[in-house]
């Protein structure tokens, strides 16, 4: 779920979680401790520095019904959009019932709310499964690989392979395009350089997709979005090549004119 009016960063994430825990405790949560497992973008910004923000917080939540009220109170207080912290992820293809098993402790807030995140290779596995070309999926993979390499804790292909098997049963559940991307990025090994390139490509893809959806509302869906992006990129490339050719021809004409004047 996307909350365009809300921005969560490594600077404010803990503050929001702290406030939720406080409200939950006041609502009786001290008699039923809660657990929140941060997924996706929220897990990335909680553990890494390469990504600046996410627009919503996807999570797995184990708590009493008071948790929903606590989340809404904090959201209203800060004018956050409805669903700013949500469990919509449970209905996506990236979800696996085994995610909790491979989560890792992050922090406890208010003495009543334990927060966990997803381990690196499992985040990569989830991003591969999703494989969206217009979100942060591929750049998150590059960023995670880059940061672990900087820390002197490189993530091996064997670890990613095991995570894929543990969560989804095998690589047949991973889109072929994601598999190709992973093989290529690991083969080149320049993760930091790859991050900037891939992130810019995602930004461009999203811009093209928004323009397309403005022109053809209701056409895009999860089944055809990759094909649409591919077609838009080819059209954009053809247009760029045409413009470059026209500029070249114009330059040649100017040079010919200048030669004739000199004669």
C-alpha atoms as a PDB file:
ATOM      1  CA  UNK A   1       0.000   0.000   0.000  1.00  0.00           C
ATOM      2  CA  UNK A   2       1.311   3.469  -0.783  1.00  0.00           C
ATOM      3  CA  UNK A   3       0.750   6.529   1.360  1.00  0.00           C
ATOM      4  CA  UNK A   4       1.874   9.388  -0.828  1.00  0.00           C
ATOM      5  CA  UNK A   5       1.375  11.960   1.926  1.00  0.00           C
ATOM      6  CA  UNK A   6       3.539  10.165   4.498  1.00  0.00           C
ATOM      7  CA  UNK A   7       7.300   9.827   4.577  1.00  0.00           C
ATOM      8  CA  UNK A   8       9.163   7.544   6.973  1.00  0.00           C
ATOM      9  CA  UNK A   9      12.909   7.749   7.456  1.00  0.00           C
ATOM     10  CA  UNK A  10      15.541   6.265   9.711  1.00  0.00           C
ATOM     11  CA  UNK A  11      15.245   9.477  11.750  1.00  0.00           C
ATOM     12  CA  UNK A  12      11.507   9.299  12.479  1.00  0.00           C
ATOM     13  CA  UNK A  13      10.696   5.589  12.280  1.00  0.00           C
ATOM     14  CA  UNK A  14      11.631   4.840  15.888  1.00  0.00           C
ATOM     15  CA  UNK A  15       9.697   7.882  17.126  1.00  0.00           C
ATOM     16  CA  UNK A  16       6.499   6.661  15.484  1.00  0.00           C
ATOM     17  CA  UNK A  17       7.015   3.162  16.877  1.00  0.00           C
ATOM     18  CA  UNK A  18       7.665   4.624  20.331  1.00  0.00           C
ATOM     19  CA  UNK A  19       4.408   6.579  20.185  1.00  0.00           C
ATOM     20  CA  UNK A  20       2.452   3.515  19.083  1.00  0.00           C
ATOM     21  CA  UNK A  21       3.829   1.544  22.020  1.00  0.00           C
ATOM     22  CA  UNK A  22       2.890   4.348  24.413  1.00  0.00           C
ATOM     23  CA  UNK A  23      -0.687   4.506  23.126  1.00  0.00           C
ATOM     24  CA  UNK A  24      -0.983   0.721  23.065  1.00  0.00           C
ATOM     25  CA  UNK A  25       0.172   0.532  26.675  1.00  0.00           C
ATOM     26  CA  UNK A  26      -2.392   3.138  27.744  1.00  0.00           C
ATOM     27  CA  UNK A  27      -5.108   1.108  26.018  1.00  0.00           C
ATOM     28  CA  UNK A  28      -4.304  -1.970  28.061  1.00  0.00           C
ATOM     29  CA  UNK A  29      -1.487  -3.390  26.005  1.00  0.00           C
ATOM     30  CA  UNK A  30       0.605  -4.016  29.112  1.00  0.00           C
ATOM     31  CA  UNK A  31      -1.610  -7.040  29.735  1.00  0.00           C
ATOM     32  CA  UNK A  32      -0.977  -8.384  26.218  1.00  0.00           C
ATOM     33  CA  UNK A  33       2.489  -7.555  24.830  1.00  0.00           C
ATOM     34  CA  UNK A  34       2.667  -6.948  21.077  1.00  0.00           C
ATOM     35  CA  UNK A  35       5.065  -7.954  18.353  1.00  0.00           C
ATOM     36  CA  UNK A  36       5.565  -6.090  15.081  1.00  0.00           C
ATOM     37  CA  UNK A  37       7.780  -7.446  12.294  1.00  0.00           C
ATOM     38  CA  UNK A  38       8.861  -4.731   9.867  1.00  0.00           C
ATOM     39  CA  UNK A  39       8.778  -5.802   6.226  1.00  0.00           C
ATOM     40  CA  UNK A  40      10.050  -4.304   2.977  1.00  0.00           C
ATOM     41  CA  UNK A  41      11.031  -0.631   2.901  1.00  0.00           C
ATOM     42  CA  UNK A  42      10.632  -0.159   6.652  1.00  0.00           C
ATOM     43  CA  UNK A  43      13.014  -3.053   7.314  1.00  0.00           C
ATOM     44  CA  UNK A  44      15.484  -1.554   4.852  1.00  0.00           C
ATOM     45  CA  UNK A  45      15.564   1.926   6.426  1.00  0.00           C
ATOM     46  CA  UNK A  46      15.738   0.401   9.925  1.00  0.00           C
ATOM     47  CA  UNK A  47      18.894  -1.543   9.050  1.00  0.00           C
ATOM     48  CA  UNK A  48      20.652   0.350   6.249  1.00  0.00           C
ATOM     49  CA  UNK A  49      21.672   3.855   5.316  1.00  0.00           C
ATOM     50  CA  UNK A  50      21.441   3.827   1.524  1.00  0.00           C
ATOM     51  CA  UNK A  51      17.678   4.340   1.303  1.00  0.00           C
ATOM     52  CA  UNK A  52      16.327   7.652   2.500  1.00  0.00           C
ATOM     53  CA  UNK A  53      12.660   6.879   3.006  1.00  0.00           C
ATOM     54  CA  UNK A  54       9.565   4.773   2.464  1.00  0.00           C
ATOM     55  CA  UNK A  55       5.996   5.993   2.039  1.00  0.00           C
ATOM     56  CA  UNK A  56       4.326   3.428   4.276  1.00  0.00           C
ATOM     57  CA  UNK A  57       5.224   0.733   6.772  1.00  0.00           C
ATOM     58  CA  UNK A  58       4.418  -2.870   5.900  1.00  0.00           C
ATOM     59  CA  UNK A  59       4.350  -5.209   8.865  1.00  0.00           C
ATOM     60  CA  UNK A  60       3.232  -8.471  10.394  1.00  0.00           C
ATOM     61  CA  UNK A  61       1.416  -7.638  13.635  1.00  0.00           C
ATOM     62  CA  UNK A  62       0.658  -9.819  16.642  1.00  0.00           C
ATOM     63  CA  UNK A  63      -1.301  -7.821  19.198  1.00  0.00           C
ATOM     64  CA  UNK A  64      -4.702  -7.214  20.732  1.00  0.00           C
ATOM     65  CA  UNK A  65      -7.347  -5.212  18.872  1.00  0.00           C
ATOM     66  CA  UNK A  66      -6.104  -2.110  20.718  1.00  0.00           C
ATOM     67  CA  UNK A  67      -3.107  -1.998  18.371  1.00  0.00           C
ATOM     68  CA  UNK A  68      -5.262  -0.795  15.486  1.00  0.00           C
ATOM     69  CA  UNK A  69      -6.600   2.030  17.641  1.00  0.00           C
ATOM     70  CA  UNK A  70      -3.080   2.941  18.789  1.00  0.00           C
ATOM     71  CA  UNK A  71      -1.880   3.122  15.175  1.00  0.00           C
ATOM     72  CA  UNK A  72      -4.834   5.334  14.222  1.00  0.00           C
ATOM     73  CA  UNK A  73      -4.247   7.690  17.169  1.00  0.00           C
ATOM     74  CA  UNK A  74      -0.621   8.217  16.175  1.00  0.00           C
ATOM     75  CA  UNK A  75      -1.586   8.601  12.529  1.00  0.00           C
ATOM     76  CA  UNK A  76      -4.212  11.248  13.348  1.00  0.00           C
ATOM     77  CA  UNK A  77      -1.781  13.090  15.602  1.00  0.00           C
ATOM     78  CA  UNK A  78       0.768  13.429  12.808  1.00  0.00           C
ATOM     79  CA  UNK A  79      -1.712  13.747   9.933  1.00  0.00           C
ATOM     80  CA  UNK A  80      -0.575  10.491   8.357  1.00  0.00           C
ATOM     81  CA  UNK A  81      -2.699   8.798   5.727  1.00  0.00           C
ATOM     82  CA  UNK A  82      -4.936   5.897   6.632  1.00  0.00           C
ATOM     83  CA  UNK A  83      -3.004   2.661   6.400  1.00  0.00           C
ATOM     84  CA  UNK A  84       0.341   4.285   7.113  1.00  0.00           C
ATOM     85  CA  UNK A  85       1.239   1.136   9.056  1.00  0.00           C
ATOM     86  CA  UNK A  86      -0.543  -1.820   7.537  1.00  0.00           C
ATOM     87  CA  UNK A  87      -0.585  -5.580   6.990  1.00  0.00           C
ATOM     88  CA  UNK A  88      -1.470  -5.423   3.283  1.00  0.00           C
ATOM     89  CA  UNK A  89       1.794  -7.230   2.573  1.00  0.00           C
ATOM     90  CA  UNK A  90       0.166 -10.461   3.768  1.00  0.00           C
ATOM     91  CA  UNK A  91      -1.831 -10.520   0.524  1.00  0.00           C
ATOM     92  CA  UNK A  92       1.135 -10.125  -1.816  1.00  0.00           C
ATOM     93  CA  UNK A  93       3.201 -12.761  -3.605  1.00  0.00           C
ATOM     94  CA  UNK A  94       6.270 -11.900  -1.524  1.00  0.00           C
ATOM     95  CA  UNK A  95       4.626 -13.040   1.690  1.00  0.00           C
ATOM     96  CA  UNK A  96       5.657 -16.355   3.220  1.00  0.00           C
ATOM     97  CA  UNK A  97       4.378 -17.825   6.456  1.00  0.00           C
ATOM     98  CA  UNK A  98       8.023 -18.607   7.277  1.00  0.00           C
ATOM     99  CA  UNK A  99       9.115 -14.961   7.368  1.00  0.00           C
ATOM    100  CA  UNK A 100       8.647 -14.715  11.127  1.00  0.00           C
ATOM    101  CA  UNK A 101      10.990 -17.659  11.588  1.00  0.00           C
ATOM    102  CA  UNK A 102      13.750 -15.755   9.799  1.00  0.00           C
ATOM    103  CA  UNK A 103      13.180 -12.365  11.399  1.00  0.00           C
ATOM    104  CA  UNK A 104      15.652 -10.791  13.796  1.00  0.00           C
ATOM    105  CA  UNK A 105      15.236  -8.657  16.914  1.00  0.00           C
ATOM    106  CA  UNK A 106      15.339  -4.866  16.421  1.00  0.00           C
ATOM    107  CA  UNK A 107      14.119  -3.037  19.541  1.00  0.00           C
ATOM    108  CA  UNK A 108      11.509  -3.084  22.307  1.00  0.00           C
ATOM    109  CA  UNK A 109       9.361   0.001  22.801  1.00  0.00           C
ATOM    110  CA  UNK A 110       7.513   0.954  25.962  1.00  0.00           C
ATOM    111  CA  UNK A 111       8.205  -2.388  27.521  1.00  0.00           C
ATOM    112  CA  UNK A 112       5.192  -3.821  25.674  1.00  0.00           C
ATOM    113  CA  UNK A 113       6.005  -3.822  21.961  1.00  0.00           C
ATOM    114  CA  UNK A 114       8.797  -5.938  20.526  1.00  0.00           C
ATOM    115  CA  UNK A 115       9.856  -4.973  17.000  1.00  0.00           C
ATOM    116  CA  UNK A 116      11.684  -7.316  14.646  1.00  0.00           C
ATOM    117  CA  UNK A 117      12.975  -6.926  11.092  1.00  0.00           C
ATOM    118  CA  UNK A 118      13.876  -9.290   8.265  1.00  0.00           C
ATOM    119  CA  UNK A 119      17.430 -10.569   7.827  1.00  0.00           C
ATOM    120  CA  UNK A 120      19.435  -9.387   4.813  1.00  0.00           C
ATOM    121  CA  UNK A 121      19.313 -12.438   2.543  1.00  0.00           C
ATOM    122  CA  UNK A 122      15.588 -12.826   3.231  1.00  0.00           C
ATOM    123  CA  UNK A 123      14.943  -9.208   2.308  1.00  0.00           C
ATOM    124  CA  UNK A 124      16.776  -9.891  -0.950  1.00  0.00           C
ATOM    125  CA  UNK A 125      14.681 -13.019  -1.507  1.00  0.00           C
ATOM    126  CA  UNK A 126      11.477 -11.032  -0.994  1.00  0.00           C
ATOM    127  CA  UNK A 127      12.620  -8.283  -3.357  1.00  0.00           C
ATOM    128  CA  UNK A 128      13.482 -10.887  -5.992  1.00  0.00           C
ATOM    129  CA  UNK A 129      10.050 -12.475  -5.617  1.00  0.00           C
ATOM    130  CA  UNK A 130       8.331  -9.136  -6.076  1.00  0.00           C
ATOM    131  CA  UNK A 131      10.663  -7.885  -8.800  1.00  0.00           C
ATOM    132  CA  UNK A 132       8.839  -4.621  -9.501  1.00  0.00           C
ATOM    133  CA  UNK A 133      10.658  -2.444 -12.032  1.00  0.00           C
ATOM    134  CA  UNK A 134       9.044   0.807 -10.850  1.00  0.00           C
ATOM    135  CA  UNK A 135       9.575   0.436  -7.090  1.00  0.00           C
ATOM    136  CA  UNK A 136      12.728   0.056  -4.987  1.00  0.00           C
ATOM    137  CA  UNK A 137      13.018  -3.716  -5.329  1.00  0.00           C
ATOM    138  CA  UNK A 138      16.135  -3.935  -7.478  1.00  0.00           C
ATOM    139  CA  UNK A 139      17.904  -0.932  -5.957  1.00  0.00           C
ATOM    140  CA  UNK A 140      17.237  -2.317  -2.478  1.00  0.00           C
ATOM    141  CA  UNK A 141      18.962  -5.551  -3.518  1.00  0.00           C
ATOM    142  CA  UNK A 142      21.973  -3.617  -4.824  1.00  0.00           C
ATOM    143  CA  UNK A 143      22.037  -1.408  -1.739  1.00  0.00           C
ATOM    144  CA  UNK A 144      21.905  -4.323   0.700  1.00  0.00           C
ATOM    145  CA  UNK A 145      24.693  -6.134  -1.138  1.00  0.00           C
ATOM    146  CA  UNK A 146      26.784  -2.939  -1.201  1.00  0.00           C
ATOM    147  CA  UNK A 147      26.380  -2.170   2.510  1.00  0.00           C
ATOM    148  CA  UNK A 148      27.224  -5.683   3.602  1.00  0.00           C
ATOM    149  CA  UNK A 149      30.306  -5.625   1.416  1.00  0.00           C
ATOM    150  CA  UNK A 150      31.362  -2.331   3.069  1.00  0.00           C
ATOM    151  CA  UNK A 151      30.863  -3.878   6.489  1.00  0.00           C
ATOM    152  CA  UNK A 152      33.128  -6.763   5.575  1.00  0.00           C
ATOM    153  CA  UNK A 153      30.136  -9.116   5.742  1.00  0.00           C
ATOM    154  CA  UNK A 154      29.446  -9.935   2.068  1.00  0.00           C
ATOM    155  CA  UNK A 155      26.294 -11.861   1.284  1.00  0.00           C
ATOM    156  CA  UNK A 156      27.080 -14.967  -0.732  1.00  0.00           C
ATOM    157  CA  UNK A 157      24.932 -16.478  -3.443  1.00  0.00           C
ATOM    158  CA  UNK A 158      24.632 -19.563  -1.252  1.00  0.00           C
ATOM    159  CA  UNK A 159      22.923 -17.524   1.475  1.00  0.00           C
ATOM    160  CA  UNK A 160      20.473 -16.017  -1.008  1.00  0.00           C
ATOM    161  CA  UNK A 161      19.809 -19.443  -2.500  1.00  0.00           C
ATOM    162  CA  UNK A 162      19.017 -20.869   0.923  1.00  0.00           C
ATOM    163  CA  UNK A 163      16.718 -17.954   1.722  1.00  0.00           C
ATOM    164  CA  UNK A 164      14.792 -18.511  -1.520  1.00  0.00           C
ATOM    165  CA  UNK A 165      14.393 -22.198  -0.676  1.00  0.00           C
ATOM    166  CA  UNK A 166      13.375 -21.509   2.925  1.00  0.00           C
ATOM    167  CA  UNK A 167      10.749 -18.916   2.034  1.00  0.00           C
ATOM    168  CA  UNK A 168       9.381 -20.057  -1.322  1.00  0.00           C
ATOM    169  CA  UNK A 169      10.532 -23.622  -1.848  1.00  0.00           C
ATOM    170  CA  UNK A 170      12.844 -22.885  -4.765  1.00  0.00           C
ATOM    171  CA  UNK A 171      13.800 -20.581  -7.627  1.00  0.00           C
ATOM    172  CA  UNK A 172      10.806 -21.587  -9.754  1.00  0.00           C
ATOM    173  CA  UNK A 173       8.825 -19.072  -7.679  1.00  0.00           C
ATOM    174  CA  UNK A 174      11.155 -16.224  -8.643  1.00  0.00           C
ATOM    175  CA  UNK A 175      10.526 -14.321 -11.918  1.00  0.00           C
ATOM    176  CA  UNK A 176      13.108 -15.056 -14.600  1.00  0.00           C
ATOM    177  CA  UNK A 177      13.829 -11.332 -14.957  1.00  0.00           C
ATOM    178  CA  UNK A 178      14.755 -11.152 -11.260  1.00  0.00           C
ATOM    179  CA  UNK A 179      17.026 -14.170 -11.571  1.00  0.00           C
ATOM    180  CA  UNK A 180      18.830 -12.622 -14.542  1.00  0.00           C
ATOM    181  CA  UNK A 181      19.223  -9.332 -12.677  1.00  0.00           C
ATOM    182  CA  UNK A 182      20.747 -11.055  -9.644  1.00  0.00           C
ATOM    183  CA  UNK A 183      23.183 -13.117 -11.717  1.00  0.00           C
ATOM    184  CA  UNK A 184      24.328 -10.034 -13.613  1.00  0.00           C
ATOM    185  CA  UNK A 185      24.778  -7.782 -10.584  1.00  0.00           C
ATOM    186  CA  UNK A 186      26.677 -10.421  -8.635  1.00  0.00           C
ATOM    187  CA  UNK A 187      28.760 -11.201 -11.705  1.00  0.00           C
ATOM    188  CA  UNK A 188      29.822  -7.565 -12.076  1.00  0.00           C
ATOM    189  CA  UNK A 189      30.292  -7.126  -8.332  1.00  0.00           C
ATOM    190  CA  UNK A 190      30.265  -3.308  -8.353  1.00  0.00           C
ATOM    191  CA  UNK A 191      27.272  -3.010  -6.060  1.00  0.00           C
ATOM    192  CA  UNK A 192      27.624   0.659  -5.136  1.00  0.00           C
ATOM    193  CA  UNK A 193      27.836   1.734  -8.780  1.00  0.00           C
ATOM    194  CA  UNK A 194      24.942  -0.580  -9.638  1.00  0.00           C
ATOM    195  CA  UNK A 195      22.778   0.963  -6.921  1.00  0.00           C
ATOM    196  CA  UNK A 196      22.850   4.445  -8.471  1.00  0.00           C
ATOM    197  CA  UNK A 197      22.199   3.144 -11.974  1.00  0.00           C
ATOM    198  CA  UNK A 198      19.361   0.833 -10.953  1.00  0.00           C
ATOM    199  CA  UNK A 199      17.703   3.428  -8.716  1.00  0.00           C
ATOM    200  CA  UNK A 200      17.663   5.987 -11.516  1.00  0.00           C
ATOM    201  CA  UNK A 201      16.138   3.409 -13.837  1.00  0.00           C
ATOM    202  CA  UNK A 202      13.379   2.714 -11.292  1.00  0.00           C
ATOM    203  CA  UNK A 203      12.663   6.441 -11.017  1.00  0.00           C
ATOM    204  CA  UNK A 204      12.456   6.742 -14.804  1.00  0.00           C
ATOM    205  CA  UNK A 205      10.202   3.682 -15.046  1.00  0.00           C
ATOM    206  CA  UNK A 206       7.828   5.082 -12.450  1.00  0.00           C
ATOM    207  CA  UNK A 207       7.664   8.439 -14.216  1.00  0.00           C
ATOM    208  CA  UNK A 208       6.842   6.785 -17.544  1.00  0.00           C
ATOM    209  CA  UNK A 209       4.246   4.568 -15.866  1.00  0.00           C
ATOM    210  CA  UNK A 210       2.506   7.512 -14.193  1.00  0.00           C
ATOM    211  CA  UNK A 211       2.308   9.348 -17.522  1.00  0.00           C
ATOM    212  CA  UNK A 212       0.923   6.216 -19.187  1.00  0.00           C
ATOM    213  CA  UNK A 213      -1.705   5.734 -16.465  1.00  0.00           C
ATOM    214  CA  UNK A 214      -2.776   9.360 -16.829  1.00  0.00           C
ATOM    215  CA  UNK A 215      -3.397   8.733 -20.522  1.00  0.00           C
ATOM    216  CA  UNK A 216      -4.865   5.239 -20.156  1.00  0.00           C
ATOM    217  CA  UNK A 217      -6.456   4.934 -16.711  1.00  0.00           C
ATOM    218  CA  UNK A 218      -7.364   1.444 -15.536  1.00  0.00           C
ATOM    219  CA  UNK A 219      -5.215  -0.385 -18.093  1.00  0.00           C
ATOM    220  CA  UNK A 220      -2.228  -1.258 -15.912  1.00  0.00           C
ATOM    221  CA  UNK A 221      -2.311  -4.296 -13.632  1.00  0.00           C
ATOM    222  CA  UNK A 222       0.181  -6.639 -11.996  1.00  0.00           C
ATOM    223  CA  UNK A 223       0.061  -8.992 -14.994  1.00  0.00           C
ATOM    224  CA  UNK A 224       0.944  -6.465 -17.700  1.00  0.00           C
ATOM    225  CA  UNK A 225       2.946  -3.764 -15.900  1.00  0.00           C
ATOM    226  CA  UNK A 226       6.366  -5.189 -16.867  1.00  0.00           C
ATOM    227  CA  UNK A 227       5.341  -5.429 -20.536  1.00  0.00           C
ATOM    228  CA  UNK A 228       4.016  -1.875 -20.465  1.00  0.00           C
ATOM    229  CA  UNK A 229       7.248  -0.571 -18.956  1.00  0.00           C
ATOM    230  CA  UNK A 230       9.272  -2.518 -21.533  1.00  0.00           C
ATOM    231  CA  UNK A 231       7.265  -1.036 -24.399  1.00  0.00           C
ATOM    232  CA  UNK A 232       7.518   2.478 -22.970  1.00  0.00           C
ATOM    233  CA  UNK A 233      11.283   2.147 -22.584  1.00  0.00           C
ATOM    234  CA  UNK A 234      11.682   0.963 -26.174  1.00  0.00           C
ATOM    235  CA  UNK A 235       9.497   3.814 -27.412  1.00  0.00           C
ATOM    236  CA  UNK A 236      11.525   6.292 -25.372  1.00  0.00           C
ATOM    237  CA  UNK A 237      14.796   4.866 -26.693  1.00  0.00           C
ATOM    238  CA  UNK A 238      13.570   5.021 -30.293  1.00  0.00           C
ATOM    239  CA  UNK A 239      12.501   8.628 -29.767  1.00  0.00           C
ATOM    240  CA  UNK A 240      15.895   9.468 -28.277  1.00  0.00           C
ATOM    241  CA  UNK A 241      17.698   7.825 -31.199  1.00  0.00           C
ATOM    242  CA  UNK A 242      15.525   9.783 -33.658  1.00  0.00           C
ATOM    243  CA  UNK A 243      16.266  13.069 -31.883  1.00  0.00           C
ATOM    244  CA  UNK A 244      19.991  12.292 -31.803  1.00  0.00           C
ATOM    245  CA  UNK A 245      19.909  11.500 -35.529  1.00  0.00           C
ATOM    246  CA  UNK A 246      18.092  14.759 -36.345  1.00  0.00           C
ATOM    247  CA  UNK A 247      20.609  16.715 -34.278  1.00  0.00           C
ATOM    248  CA  UNK A 248      23.453  15.013 -36.111  1.00  0.00           C
ATOM    249  CA  UNK A 249      21.932  15.790 -39.512  1.00  0.00           C
ATOM    250  CA  UNK A 250      21.340  19.398 -38.488  1.00  0.00           C
ATOM    251  CA  UNK A 251      24.941  19.683 -37.358  1.00  0.00           C
ATOM    252  CA  UNK A 252      26.137  18.312 -40.696  1.00  0.00           C
ATOM    253  CA  UNK A 253      23.959  20.816 -42.568  1.00  0.00           C
ATOM    254  CA  UNK A 254      25.430  23.682 -40.539  1.00  0.00           C
ATOM    255  CA  UNK A 255      28.959  22.497 -41.248  1.00  0.00           C
ATOM    256  CA  UNK A 256      28.191  22.272 -44.996  1.00  0.00           C
ATOM    257  CA  UNK A 257      26.717  25.805 -44.966  1.00  0.00           C
ATOM    258  CA  UNK A 258      29.794  27.139 -43.185  1.00  0.00           C
ATOM    259  CA  UNK A 259      32.090  25.486 -45.744  1.00  0.00           C
ATOM    260  CA  UNK A 260      30.152  27.026 -48.614  1.00  0.00           C
ATOM    261  CA  UNK A 261      30.324  30.489 -47.021  1.00  0.00           C
ATOM    262  CA  UNK A 262      34.077  30.179 -46.611  1.00  0.00           C
ATOM    263  CA  UNK A 263      34.415  29.410 -50.304  1.00  0.00           C
END
